[in-house]
Amino acid sequence: MEQVLSANRLLKILVIDDDESVLSRTVDILRKNYPNAEFPTAVNAHNVLNQRLTIDDKRGICRFREEALCNVGKYATGVE
């Protein structure tokens, strides 16, 4: 995996999982592929909201959620 970012932007990957061992292992794997990135973690969405997030972090989360919801609608099958 290649990490391509502008010189002044730090890649942040928010990792959320309610299983601490899965969360830890996921971060380990990501860290190997993105050694210069930050990995804020949380065990649920409530914990994410309690973290100190910048406005850009919040915008990024909103964009991700919007795209995820669009993909669910686009690829859902058997739902009426």
C-alpha atoms as a PDB file:
ATOM      1  CA  MET A   1       0.000   0.000   0.000  1.00  0.00           C
ATOM      2  CA  GLU A   2       1.319   3.403  -0.884  1.00  0.00           C
ATOM      3  CA  GLN A   3       0.841   6.449   1.303  1.00  0.00           C
ATOM      4  CA  VAL A   4       0.562   9.531  -0.908  1.00  0.00           C
ATOM      5  CA  LEU A   5      -0.318  12.786   0.827  1.00  0.00           C
ATOM      6  CA  SER A   6       0.634  16.393   0.453  1.00  0.00           C
ATOM      7  CA  ALA A   7       3.706  17.360   2.437  1.00  0.00           C
ATOM      8  CA  ASN A   8       1.762  19.194   5.151  1.00  0.00           C
ATOM      9  CA  ARG A   9      -1.050  16.675   5.753  1.00  0.00           C
ATOM     10  CA  LEU A  10      -0.890  13.834   8.215  1.00  0.00           C
ATOM     11  CA  LEU A  11      -2.913  10.735   7.458  1.00  0.00           C
ATOM     12  CA  LYS A  12      -5.303   9.884  10.297  1.00  0.00           C
ATOM     13  CA  ILE A  13      -7.136   6.588  10.297  1.00  0.00           C
ATOM     14  CA  LEU A  14      -9.890   6.260  12.883  1.00  0.00           C
ATOM     15  CA  VAL A  15     -10.214   2.644  14.016  1.00  0.00           C
ATOM     16  CA  ILE A  16     -13.361   1.561  15.887  1.00  0.00           C
ATOM     17  CA  ASP A  17     -14.072  -1.922  17.211  1.00  0.00           C
ATOM     18  CA  ASP A  18     -15.715  -3.145  20.389  1.00  0.00           C
ATOM     19  CA  ASP A  19     -13.259  -6.033  20.717  1.00  0.00           C
ATOM     20  CA  GLU A  20      -9.974  -4.747  22.157  1.00  0.00           C
ATOM     21  CA  SER A  21      -7.887  -7.557  20.634  1.00  0.00           C
ATOM     22  CA  VAL A  22      -9.329  -6.942  17.155  1.00  0.00           C
ATOM     23  CA  LEU A  23      -8.817  -3.209  17.606  1.00  0.00           C
ATOM     24  CA  SER A  24      -5.200  -3.687  18.646  1.00  0.00           C
ATOM     25  CA  ARG A  25      -4.400  -6.126  15.833  1.00  0.00           C
ATOM     26  CA  THR A  26      -6.060  -3.888  13.242  1.00  0.00           C
ATOM     27  CA  VAL A  27      -3.931  -0.940  14.347  1.00  0.00           C
ATOM     28  CA  ASP A  28      -0.797  -3.134  14.236  1.00  0.00           C
ATOM     29  CA  ILE A  29      -1.521  -4.134  10.639  1.00  0.00           C
ATOM     30  CA  LEU A  30      -2.322  -0.565   9.583  1.00  0.00           C
ATOM     31  CA  ARG A  31       0.815   0.773  11.286  1.00  0.00           C
ATOM     32  CA  LYS A  32       2.979  -1.604   9.203  1.00  0.00           C
ATOM     33  CA  ASN A  33       1.440  -0.241   5.992  1.00  0.00           C
ATOM     34  CA  TYR A  34       1.185   3.404   7.080  1.00  0.00           C
ATOM     35  CA  PRO A  35       4.111   4.025   9.463  1.00  0.00           C
ATOM     36  CA  ASN A  36       3.710   7.813   9.454  1.00  0.00           C
ATOM     37  CA  ALA A  37      -0.033   7.857  10.115  1.00  0.00           C
ATOM     38  CA  GLU A  38      -1.929   8.522  13.334  1.00  0.00           C
ATOM     39  CA  PHE A  39      -4.405   5.926  14.576  1.00  0.00           C
ATOM     40  CA  PRO A  40      -6.952   7.307  17.022  1.00  0.00           C
ATOM     41  CA  THR A  41      -9.012   4.413  18.372  1.00  0.00           C
ATOM     42  CA  ALA A  42     -12.337   3.907  20.080  1.00  0.00           C
ATOM     43  CA  VAL A  43     -14.471   0.973  21.179  1.00  0.00           C
ATOM     44  CA  ASN A  44     -17.730   2.605  20.063  1.00  0.00           C
ATOM     45  CA  ALA A  45     -19.139   5.714  18.396  1.00  0.00           C
ATOM     46  CA  HIS A  46     -19.885   7.361  21.750  1.00  0.00           C
ATOM     47  CA  ASN A  47     -16.174   7.237  22.621  1.00  0.00           C
ATOM     48  CA  VAL A  48     -15.318   8.832  19.281  1.00  0.00           C
ATOM     49  CA  LEU A  49     -17.593  11.760  20.018  1.00  0.00           C
ATOM     50  CA  ASN A  50     -15.891  12.287  23.380  1.00  0.00           C
ATOM     51  CA  GLN A  51     -12.445  12.571  21.789  1.00  0.00           C
ATOM     52  CA  ARG A  52     -10.983  15.937  20.932  1.00  0.00           C
ATOM     53  CA  LEU A  53     -11.600  16.144  17.200  1.00  0.00           C
ATOM     54  CA  THR A  54     -10.785  19.039  14.937  1.00  0.00           C
ATOM     55  CA  ILE A  55     -13.417  20.406  12.588  1.00  0.00           C
ATOM     56  CA  ASP A  56     -11.542  18.715   9.709  1.00  0.00           C
ATOM     57  CA  ASP A  57     -11.682  15.395  11.579  1.00  0.00           C
ATOM     58  CA  LYS A  58     -15.429  15.800  12.040  1.00  0.00           C
ATOM     59  CA  ARG A  59     -15.913  16.685   8.373  1.00  0.00           C
ATOM     60  CA  GLY A  60     -13.935  13.610   7.357  1.00  0.00           C
ATOM     61  CA  ILE A  61     -16.089  11.381   9.543  1.00  0.00           C
ATOM     62  CA  CYS A  62     -19.243  12.902   8.047  1.00  0.00           C
ATOM     63  CA  ARG A  63     -17.974  12.359   4.487  1.00  0.00           C
ATOM     64  CA  PHE A  64     -17.113   8.759   5.309  1.00  0.00           C
ATOM     65  CA  ARG A  65     -20.540   8.117   6.841  1.00  0.00           C
ATOM     66  CA  GLU A  66     -22.286   9.701   3.870  1.00  0.00           C
ATOM     67  CA  GLU A  67     -20.325   7.552   1.416  1.00  0.00           C
ATOM     68  CA  ALA A  68     -20.944   4.416   3.491  1.00  0.00           C
ATOM     69  CA  LEU A  69     -24.692   5.063   3.573  1.00  0.00           C
ATOM     70  CA  CYS A  70     -24.756   5.655  -0.181  1.00  0.00           C
ATOM     71  CA  ASN A  71     -22.930   2.370  -0.735  1.00  0.00           C
ATOM     72  CA  VAL A  72     -25.383   0.491   1.466  1.00  0.00           C
ATOM     73  CA  GLY A  73     -28.251   1.823  -0.618  1.00  0.00           C
ATOM     74  CA  LYS A  74     -26.409   1.111  -3.838  1.00  0.00           C
ATOM     75  CA  TYR A  75     -25.447  -2.490  -3.079  1.00  0.00           C
ATOM     76  CA  ALA A  76     -28.234  -3.694  -0.764  1.00  0.00           C
ATOM     77  CA  THR A  77     -30.103  -6.660  -2.137  1.00  0.00           C
ATOM     78  CA  GLY A  78     -33.292  -8.351  -1.021  1.00  0.00           C
ATOM     79  CA  VAL A  79     -34.545  -5.259   0.768  1.00  0.00           C
ATOM     80  CA  GLU A  80     -37.923  -3.840  -0.096  1.00  0.00           C
END
